[in-house]
N, C-alpha and C. Protein backbone atom coordinates (compact mmCIF):
# COMPACT_ATOMS: atom_id res chain seq x y z
N MET A 1 78.26 -106.25 37.25
CA MET A 1 78.61 -106.04 35.85
C MET A 1 78.71 -104.54 35.58
N ASN A 2 79.61 -104.18 34.72
CA ASN A 2 79.77 -102.81 34.28
C ASN A 2 78.67 -102.53 33.25
N GLU A 3 77.99 -101.40 33.38
CA GLU A 3 76.88 -101.06 32.48
C GLU A 3 77.25 -101.15 31.00
N ASN A 4 78.44 -100.69 30.65
CA ASN A 4 78.81 -100.60 29.24
C ASN A 4 79.83 -101.63 28.80
N GLY A 5 80.22 -102.53 29.70
CA GLY A 5 81.33 -103.39 29.35
C GLY A 5 81.09 -104.85 29.68
N LYS A 6 82.20 -105.49 29.98
CA LYS A 6 82.21 -106.93 30.20
C LYS A 6 81.81 -107.26 31.63
N GLU A 7 81.16 -108.39 31.79
CA GLU A 7 80.83 -108.91 33.11
C GLU A 7 82.06 -109.56 33.71
N VAL A 8 82.24 -109.45 35.02
CA VAL A 8 83.34 -110.11 35.71
C VAL A 8 82.82 -111.44 36.24
N VAL A 9 83.53 -112.52 35.93
CA VAL A 9 83.20 -113.86 36.41
C VAL A 9 84.33 -114.29 37.35
N TRP A 10 84.00 -114.51 38.61
CA TRP A 10 84.99 -114.89 39.63
C TRP A 10 84.99 -116.41 39.77
N LEU A 11 86.06 -117.06 39.33
CA LEU A 11 86.17 -118.51 39.49
C LEU A 11 86.82 -118.86 40.83
N HIS A 12 87.71 -117.99 41.30
CA HIS A 12 88.41 -118.27 42.56
C HIS A 12 89.02 -116.99 43.11
N GLY A 13 88.91 -116.82 44.42
CA GLY A 13 89.55 -115.70 45.08
C GLY A 13 88.62 -114.52 45.25
N GLN A 14 89.07 -113.60 46.10
CA GLN A 14 88.31 -112.39 46.40
C GLN A 14 89.28 -111.24 46.60
N VAL A 15 88.79 -110.04 46.43
CA VAL A 15 89.56 -108.84 46.72
C VAL A 15 88.83 -108.15 47.86
N ARG A 16 89.29 -108.40 49.08
CA ARG A 16 88.64 -107.87 50.28
C ARG A 16 89.67 -107.20 51.19
N THR A 17 89.18 -106.30 52.01
CA THR A 17 90.01 -105.66 53.03
C THR A 17 89.50 -106.15 54.38
N PRO A 18 90.38 -106.77 55.22
CA PRO A 18 91.67 -107.35 54.87
C PRO A 18 91.49 -108.63 54.08
N PRO A 19 92.47 -109.18 53.49
CA PRO A 19 93.90 -108.94 53.64
C PRO A 19 94.44 -107.81 52.77
N PHE A 20 93.74 -107.43 51.71
CA PHE A 20 94.18 -106.27 50.91
C PHE A 20 94.03 -105.02 51.77
N SER A 21 94.94 -104.08 51.62
CA SER A 21 94.70 -102.77 52.24
C SER A 21 93.57 -102.11 51.46
N MET A 22 92.97 -101.09 52.03
CA MET A 22 91.88 -100.37 51.34
C MET A 22 92.38 -99.79 50.02
N ALA A 23 93.59 -99.23 50.04
CA ALA A 23 94.15 -98.62 48.81
C ALA A 23 94.38 -99.68 47.73
N ALA A 24 94.88 -100.85 48.11
CA ALA A 24 95.13 -101.91 47.13
C ALA A 24 93.81 -102.46 46.59
N ARG A 25 92.82 -102.59 47.45
CA ARG A 25 91.50 -103.06 47.00
C ARG A 25 90.90 -102.08 46.01
N GLN A 26 91.01 -100.79 46.31
CA GLN A 26 90.49 -99.78 45.39
C GLN A 26 91.23 -99.81 44.05
N ARG A 27 92.55 -99.98 44.11
CA ARG A 27 93.35 -100.03 42.87
C ARG A 27 92.96 -101.25 42.05
N ALA A 28 92.78 -102.39 42.70
CA ALA A 28 92.36 -103.59 41.98
C ALA A 28 91.01 -103.35 41.31
N GLY A 29 90.09 -102.71 42.02
CA GLY A 29 88.78 -102.41 41.44
C GLY A 29 88.88 -101.50 40.24
N GLU A 30 89.75 -100.48 40.32
CA GLU A 30 89.93 -99.57 39.18
C GLU A 30 90.46 -100.32 37.97
N LEU A 31 91.45 -101.19 38.18
CA LEU A 31 92.04 -101.92 37.06
C LEU A 31 91.05 -102.91 36.46
N ILE A 32 90.27 -103.57 37.31
CA ILE A 32 89.26 -104.50 36.79
C ILE A 32 88.18 -103.74 36.01
N ARG A 33 87.79 -102.56 36.48
CA ARG A 33 86.83 -101.74 35.72
C ARG A 33 87.41 -101.34 34.37
N ASP A 34 88.70 -101.01 34.33
CA ASP A 34 89.34 -100.71 33.04
C ASP A 34 89.21 -101.90 32.09
N LEU A 35 89.46 -103.10 32.61
CA LEU A 35 89.33 -104.31 31.79
C LEU A 35 87.90 -104.48 31.30
N GLN A 36 86.94 -104.22 32.18
CA GLN A 36 85.53 -104.32 31.79
C GLN A 36 85.20 -103.35 30.66
N ASP A 37 85.85 -102.20 30.68
CA ASP A 37 85.60 -101.18 29.65
C ASP A 37 86.38 -101.44 28.36
N GLY A 38 87.11 -102.54 28.31
CA GLY A 38 87.84 -102.90 27.10
C GLY A 38 89.23 -102.30 27.00
N ILE A 39 89.72 -101.70 28.07
CA ILE A 39 91.08 -101.13 28.06
C ILE A 39 92.07 -102.27 28.25
N LEU A 40 93.00 -102.39 27.34
CA LEU A 40 94.04 -103.41 27.45
C LEU A 40 95.18 -102.86 28.28
N LEU A 41 95.47 -103.51 29.38
CA LEU A 41 96.51 -103.06 30.30
C LEU A 41 97.84 -103.72 29.95
N SER A 42 98.92 -103.04 30.29
CA SER A 42 100.26 -103.59 30.09
C SER A 42 101.10 -103.29 31.32
N LEU A 43 102.38 -103.63 31.25
CA LEU A 43 103.28 -103.36 32.37
C LEU A 43 103.28 -101.89 32.69
N PRO A 44 103.31 -101.51 33.91
CA PRO A 44 103.57 -102.32 35.10
C PRO A 44 102.32 -102.90 35.74
N HIS A 45 101.15 -102.65 35.18
CA HIS A 45 99.90 -103.10 35.80
C HIS A 45 99.53 -104.54 35.47
N SER A 46 99.89 -104.99 34.30
CA SER A 46 99.48 -106.31 33.85
C SER A 46 100.54 -106.89 32.93
N ARG A 47 100.68 -108.21 32.99
CA ARG A 47 101.59 -108.87 32.06
C ARG A 47 100.93 -110.12 31.52
N PRO A 48 101.25 -110.48 30.28
CA PRO A 48 100.66 -111.68 29.68
C PRO A 48 101.13 -112.94 30.41
N MET A 49 100.27 -113.94 30.44
CA MET A 49 100.58 -115.23 31.05
C MET A 49 100.23 -116.34 30.06
N PRO A 50 100.95 -116.42 28.93
CA PRO A 50 100.62 -117.43 27.92
C PRO A 50 100.80 -118.86 28.43
N GLU A 51 101.62 -119.03 29.48
CA GLU A 51 101.80 -120.39 30.02
C GLU A 51 100.52 -120.88 30.71
N ILE A 52 99.59 -119.99 31.00
CA ILE A 52 98.29 -120.39 31.55
C ILE A 52 97.30 -120.61 30.41
N GLY A 53 97.31 -119.70 29.44
CA GLY A 53 96.41 -119.86 28.31
C GLY A 53 96.32 -118.60 27.47
N THR A 54 95.64 -118.74 26.35
CA THR A 54 95.41 -117.62 25.46
C THR A 54 94.58 -116.55 26.17
N ARG A 55 94.96 -115.30 25.99
CA ARG A 55 94.26 -114.15 26.55
C ARG A 55 94.34 -114.07 28.07
N CYS A 56 95.27 -114.82 28.68
CA CYS A 56 95.44 -114.81 30.13
C CYS A 56 96.53 -113.80 30.52
N HIS A 57 96.29 -113.13 31.64
CA HIS A 57 97.20 -112.09 32.13
C HIS A 57 97.24 -112.12 33.64
N GLU A 58 98.21 -111.39 34.18
CA GLU A 58 98.37 -111.27 35.62
C GLU A 58 98.33 -109.79 35.99
N LEU A 59 97.30 -109.39 36.75
CA LEU A 59 97.26 -108.02 37.28
C LEU A 59 98.24 -107.96 38.44
N ARG A 60 98.95 -106.85 38.54
CA ARG A 60 99.96 -106.67 39.58
C ARG A 60 99.51 -105.53 40.49
N ILE A 61 99.24 -105.86 41.75
CA ILE A 61 98.75 -104.88 42.71
C ILE A 61 99.75 -104.79 43.87
N PRO A 62 100.57 -103.74 43.90
CA PRO A 62 101.48 -103.58 45.03
C PRO A 62 100.70 -103.15 46.27
N ASP A 63 101.11 -103.65 47.42
CA ASP A 63 100.43 -103.35 48.67
C ASP A 63 101.47 -103.29 49.79
N GLN A 64 101.05 -102.94 50.94
CA GLN A 64 101.94 -102.82 52.09
C GLN A 64 102.54 -104.18 52.43
N GLY A 65 103.76 -104.44 51.95
CA GLY A 65 104.44 -105.70 52.24
C GLY A 65 103.96 -106.89 51.44
N HIS A 66 103.08 -106.67 50.49
CA HIS A 66 102.56 -107.76 49.66
C HIS A 66 102.66 -107.39 48.18
N ALA A 67 102.73 -108.40 47.38
CA ALA A 67 102.63 -108.24 45.94
C ALA A 67 101.43 -109.09 45.50
N TRP A 68 100.25 -108.49 45.47
CA TRP A 68 99.04 -109.21 45.09
C TRP A 68 99.01 -109.44 43.59
N ARG A 69 98.49 -110.59 43.21
CA ARG A 69 98.33 -110.93 41.81
C ARG A 69 96.91 -111.42 41.57
N ILE A 70 96.37 -111.03 40.43
CA ILE A 70 95.04 -111.48 40.00
C ILE A 70 95.22 -112.05 38.60
N ILE A 71 95.02 -113.34 38.47
CA ILE A 71 95.12 -113.99 37.15
C ILE A 71 93.74 -113.88 36.49
N TYR A 72 93.74 -113.35 35.27
CA TYR A 72 92.47 -113.16 34.57
C TYR A 72 92.61 -113.50 33.10
N ARG A 73 91.45 -113.73 32.48
CA ARG A 73 91.39 -113.96 31.03
C ARG A 73 90.32 -113.06 30.47
N ILE A 74 90.61 -112.48 29.32
CA ILE A 74 89.65 -111.64 28.61
C ILE A 74 88.90 -112.50 27.60
N ASP A 75 87.62 -112.66 27.81
CA ASP A 75 86.75 -113.38 26.89
C ASP A 75 85.80 -112.37 26.27
N PRO A 76 85.18 -112.72 25.14
CA PRO A 76 84.16 -111.83 24.60
C PRO A 76 83.03 -111.69 25.63
N GLY A 77 82.80 -110.48 26.11
CA GLY A 77 81.73 -110.25 27.06
C GLY A 77 82.07 -110.49 28.52
N HIS A 78 83.26 -111.03 28.81
CA HIS A 78 83.59 -111.37 30.19
C HIS A 78 85.06 -111.10 30.51
N VAL A 79 85.30 -110.76 31.77
CA VAL A 79 86.64 -110.80 32.35
C VAL A 79 86.56 -111.93 33.37
N VAL A 80 87.31 -113.00 33.13
CA VAL A 80 87.23 -114.19 33.97
C VAL A 80 88.41 -114.18 34.94
N ILE A 81 88.11 -114.13 36.25
CA ILE A 81 89.14 -114.13 37.29
C ILE A 81 89.38 -115.57 37.71
N ALA A 82 90.61 -116.05 37.50
CA ALA A 82 90.95 -117.44 37.81
C ALA A 82 91.64 -117.60 39.16
N ALA A 83 92.29 -116.54 39.67
CA ALA A 83 92.98 -116.65 40.96
C ALA A 83 93.33 -115.27 41.50
N VAL A 84 93.36 -115.17 42.82
CA VAL A 84 93.84 -114.00 43.53
C VAL A 84 94.78 -114.53 44.60
N PHE A 85 96.02 -114.04 44.60
CA PHE A 85 96.98 -114.56 45.57
C PHE A 85 98.08 -113.54 45.85
N SER A 86 98.77 -113.75 46.95
CA SER A 86 99.91 -112.94 47.33
C SER A 86 101.16 -113.63 46.80
N LYS A 87 101.88 -112.94 45.94
CA LYS A 87 103.06 -113.53 45.30
C LYS A 87 104.27 -113.29 46.20
N LYS A 88 105.00 -114.36 46.49
CA LYS A 88 106.13 -114.28 47.40
C LYS A 88 107.46 -114.56 46.72
N THR A 89 107.43 -115.01 45.46
CA THR A 89 108.65 -115.32 44.72
C THR A 89 108.61 -114.62 43.37
N ALA A 90 109.74 -114.60 42.68
CA ALA A 90 109.81 -113.94 41.37
C ALA A 90 108.94 -114.66 40.33
N GLU A 91 108.89 -115.96 40.42
CA GLU A 91 108.10 -116.76 39.47
C GLU A 91 106.72 -117.06 40.05
N THR A 92 105.72 -117.09 39.18
CA THR A 92 104.41 -117.53 39.62
C THR A 92 104.49 -119.03 39.90
N PRO A 93 104.07 -119.47 41.09
CA PRO A 93 104.17 -120.89 41.43
C PRO A 93 103.44 -121.77 40.42
N GLU A 94 104.04 -122.90 40.09
CA GLU A 94 103.46 -123.83 39.13
C GLU A 94 102.09 -124.32 39.59
N LEU A 95 101.91 -124.49 40.90
CA LEU A 95 100.62 -124.92 41.42
C LEU A 95 99.53 -123.89 41.09
N VAL A 96 99.85 -122.61 41.19
CA VAL A 96 98.88 -121.56 40.85
C VAL A 96 98.55 -121.62 39.36
N LYS A 97 99.58 -121.76 38.52
CA LYS A 97 99.34 -121.83 37.08
C LYS A 97 98.49 -123.04 36.71
N ALA A 98 98.81 -124.20 37.30
CA ALA A 98 98.05 -125.42 37.01
C ALA A 98 96.60 -125.28 37.49
N SER A 99 96.39 -124.69 38.66
CA SER A 99 95.04 -124.48 39.18
C SER A 99 94.24 -123.55 38.26
N CYS A 100 94.88 -122.50 37.77
CA CYS A 100 94.20 -121.57 36.86
C CYS A 100 93.82 -122.26 35.56
N ARG A 101 94.74 -123.05 35.02
CA ARG A 101 94.42 -123.78 33.78
C ARG A 101 93.22 -124.70 34.00
N ALA A 102 93.20 -125.41 35.14
CA ALA A 102 92.10 -126.34 35.42
C ALA A 102 90.78 -125.58 35.60
N ARG A 103 90.80 -124.48 36.34
CA ARG A 103 89.57 -123.70 36.54
C ARG A 103 89.02 -123.17 35.22
N LEU A 104 89.92 -122.64 34.39
CA LEU A 104 89.49 -122.10 33.10
C LEU A 104 88.97 -123.19 32.17
N ARG A 105 89.62 -124.34 32.19
CA ARG A 105 89.17 -125.48 31.38
C ARG A 105 87.75 -125.90 31.81
N GLN A 106 87.52 -126.00 33.14
CA GLN A 106 86.21 -126.37 33.66
C GLN A 106 85.16 -125.32 33.30
N TYR A 107 85.54 -124.05 33.42
CA TYR A 107 84.63 -122.94 33.05
C TYR A 107 84.22 -123.06 31.58
N ASP A 108 85.21 -123.32 30.72
CA ASP A 108 84.92 -123.44 29.28
C ASP A 108 83.96 -124.61 29.01
N ILE A 109 84.15 -125.71 29.71
CA ILE A 109 83.25 -126.88 29.54
C ILE A 109 81.84 -126.50 29.97
N GLU A 110 81.72 -125.83 31.11
CA GLU A 110 80.40 -125.45 31.60
C GLU A 110 79.73 -124.42 30.69
N MET A 111 80.49 -123.54 30.09
CA MET A 111 79.92 -122.52 29.20
C MET A 111 79.43 -123.12 27.89
N ARG A 112 80.06 -124.21 27.46
CA ARG A 112 79.63 -124.87 26.22
C ARG A 112 78.33 -125.62 26.42
N GLY A 113 78.00 -125.90 27.68
CA GLY A 113 76.72 -126.52 28.01
C GLY A 113 76.72 -127.97 27.90
């Protein structure tokens, strides 16, 4: 957790070297820390993903031959990571979007107790 900001909750995926290059892993960490500090990111670093849900976005991490994506949601007190994947097409695969919706729905149920 960031001392002054939001806690990161990882529902699925990891940012590790490998498969991320060291530079891409560091960049992902910097962007996630910005989110923890309440900085709202926009293109080219992040884009909204309303088809997944409210407050959902896609971090864009360019890497050596890869286009890494991190699907996240900003909640009060939390940055919730729903997926980390290498994007190979222009569109986010429907399976990834459906998986993120399901993970976030389950997280919300568990948080309500």
